[in-house]
Amino acid sequence: MKLTNSNDRHAFSTSDVYDRYNLVARDVGVDVLSFDRVYQILKESAFLGVTESQKISGGREGNYLDHTLLRDPDVVLTALLVNEDRLKKLEGDFTPPT
């Protein structure tokens, strides 16, 4: 489920994040947000210090943003699972820490 655990990379393009989000949203049965809305949420997350966004020059493909999670992925996931019941099925029998 988590991009950060699926490979050795630590930074992911907006497209990478959106593609994974799209899969998760479909898995939990929620309406998928537009690419632009996910981009706005990523920018807000950077403003709040949860992620960091860096503009990358892609040459012929143009510029894009790479996003890096600044917090422990397990802490972020725990916060999401505690606050959103629909995501709990992604982690099986999730028990929030006490």
Protein backbone atom coordinates (compact mmCIF):
# COMPACT_ATOMS: atom_id res chain seq x y z
CA MET A 1 0.00 0.00 0.00
CA LYS A 2 2.69 2.48 0.95
CA LEU A 3 4.95 3.92 -1.73
CA THR A 4 7.77 4.27 0.79
CA ASN A 5 7.76 0.54 1.55
CA SER A 6 7.31 -0.64 -2.03
CA ASN A 7 10.81 0.31 -3.18
CA ASP A 8 14.02 2.07 -2.16
CA ARG A 9 12.98 5.50 -3.43
CA HIS A 10 12.19 8.27 -0.99
CA ALA A 11 10.83 10.89 -3.40
CA PHE A 12 7.87 10.38 -5.71
CA SER A 13 6.47 12.45 -8.54
CA THR A 14 2.96 13.82 -8.34
CA SER A 15 1.99 11.25 -10.98
CA ASP A 16 3.40 8.39 -8.88
CA VAL A 17 1.48 9.58 -5.82
CA TYR A 18 -1.72 10.06 -7.84
CA ASP A 19 -1.49 6.62 -9.44
CA ARG A 20 -1.11 4.92 -6.04
CA TYR A 21 -3.85 7.10 -4.53
CA ASN A 22 -6.16 6.13 -7.40
CA LEU A 23 -5.64 2.42 -6.64
CA VAL A 24 -6.25 2.90 -2.92
CA ALA A 25 -9.36 5.03 -3.47
CA ARG A 26 -10.84 2.39 -5.75
CA ASP A 27 -9.95 -0.38 -3.28
CA VAL A 28 -11.81 1.33 -0.44
CA GLY A 29 -14.74 2.38 -2.64
CA VAL A 30 -14.48 6.17 -2.50
CA ASP A 31 -14.82 8.67 -5.31
CA VAL A 32 -11.45 9.43 -6.88
CA LEU A 33 -10.33 13.05 -6.65
CA SER A 34 -8.97 14.80 -9.73
CA PHE A 35 -5.25 14.99 -10.39
CA ASP A 36 -5.38 18.76 -9.74
CA ARG A 37 -7.03 18.26 -6.34
CA VAL A 38 -4.42 15.69 -5.28
CA TYR A 39 -1.72 18.13 -6.44
CA GLN A 40 -3.29 20.84 -4.22
CA ILE A 41 -3.41 18.46 -1.25
CA LEU A 42 0.27 17.60 -1.75
CA LYS A 43 1.12 21.32 -1.79
CA GLU A 44 -0.90 21.82 1.41
CA SER A 45 0.92 18.88 3.02
CA ALA A 46 4.25 20.52 2.16
CA PHE A 47 3.07 23.79 3.68
CA LEU A 48 2.13 21.92 6.88
CA GLY A 49 5.53 20.21 7.04
CA VAL A 50 4.27 16.68 6.47
CA THR A 51 5.90 16.41 3.06
CA GLU A 52 8.53 18.29 1.11
CA SER A 53 8.08 19.15 -2.56
CA GLN A 54 11.00 19.81 -4.87
CA LYS A 55 10.75 21.07 -8.43
CA ILE A 56 12.68 18.79 -10.81
CA SER A 57 13.70 19.62 -14.36
CA GLY A 58 12.62 16.73 -16.54
CA GLY A 59 14.25 17.94 -19.74
CA ARG A 60 12.01 17.27 -22.70
CA GLU A 61 9.25 16.03 -20.42
CA GLY A 62 9.07 19.36 -18.61
CA ASN A 63 9.26 20.19 -14.95
CA TYR A 64 7.57 18.17 -12.23
CA LEU A 65 7.45 17.97 -8.45
CA ASP A 66 9.01 15.22 -6.37
CA HIS A 67 7.39 14.72 -2.97
CA THR A 68 9.14 13.32 0.09
CA LEU A 69 7.41 12.29 3.28
CA LEU A 70 9.09 14.06 6.21
CA ARG A 71 7.38 12.06 8.95
CA ASP A 72 7.59 8.39 9.84
CA PRO A 73 5.30 6.58 7.36
CA ASP A 74 3.88 4.36 10.09
CA VAL A 75 2.91 7.38 12.20
CA VAL A 76 1.18 9.02 9.22
CA LEU A 77 -0.61 5.78 8.33
CA THR A 78 -1.69 5.28 11.93
CA ALA A 79 -3.16 8.80 12.00
CA LEU A 80 -5.06 8.11 8.78
CA LEU A 81 -6.38 4.76 9.96
CA VAL A 82 -7.54 6.16 13.30
CA ASN A 83 -9.47 8.96 11.58
CA GLU A 84 -10.85 7.15 8.53
CA ASP A 85 -12.70 3.87 9.01
CA ARG A 86 -12.80 3.14 5.28
CA LEU A 87 -8.99 2.80 5.19
CA LYS A 88 -8.80 0.21 7.95
CA LYS A 89 -9.42 -2.67 5.57
CA LEU A 90 -6.15 -1.84 3.81
CA GLU A 91 -4.17 -2.87 6.85
CA GLY A 92 -6.29 -5.83 7.91
CA ASP A 93 -7.24 -5.85 11.58
CA PHE A 94 -5.78 -2.49 12.52
CA THR A 95 -5.51 -1.72 16.21
CA PRO A 96 -4.54 1.87 17.03
CA PRO A 97 -1.67 2.29 19.50
CA THR A 98 -2.72 3.21 23.04
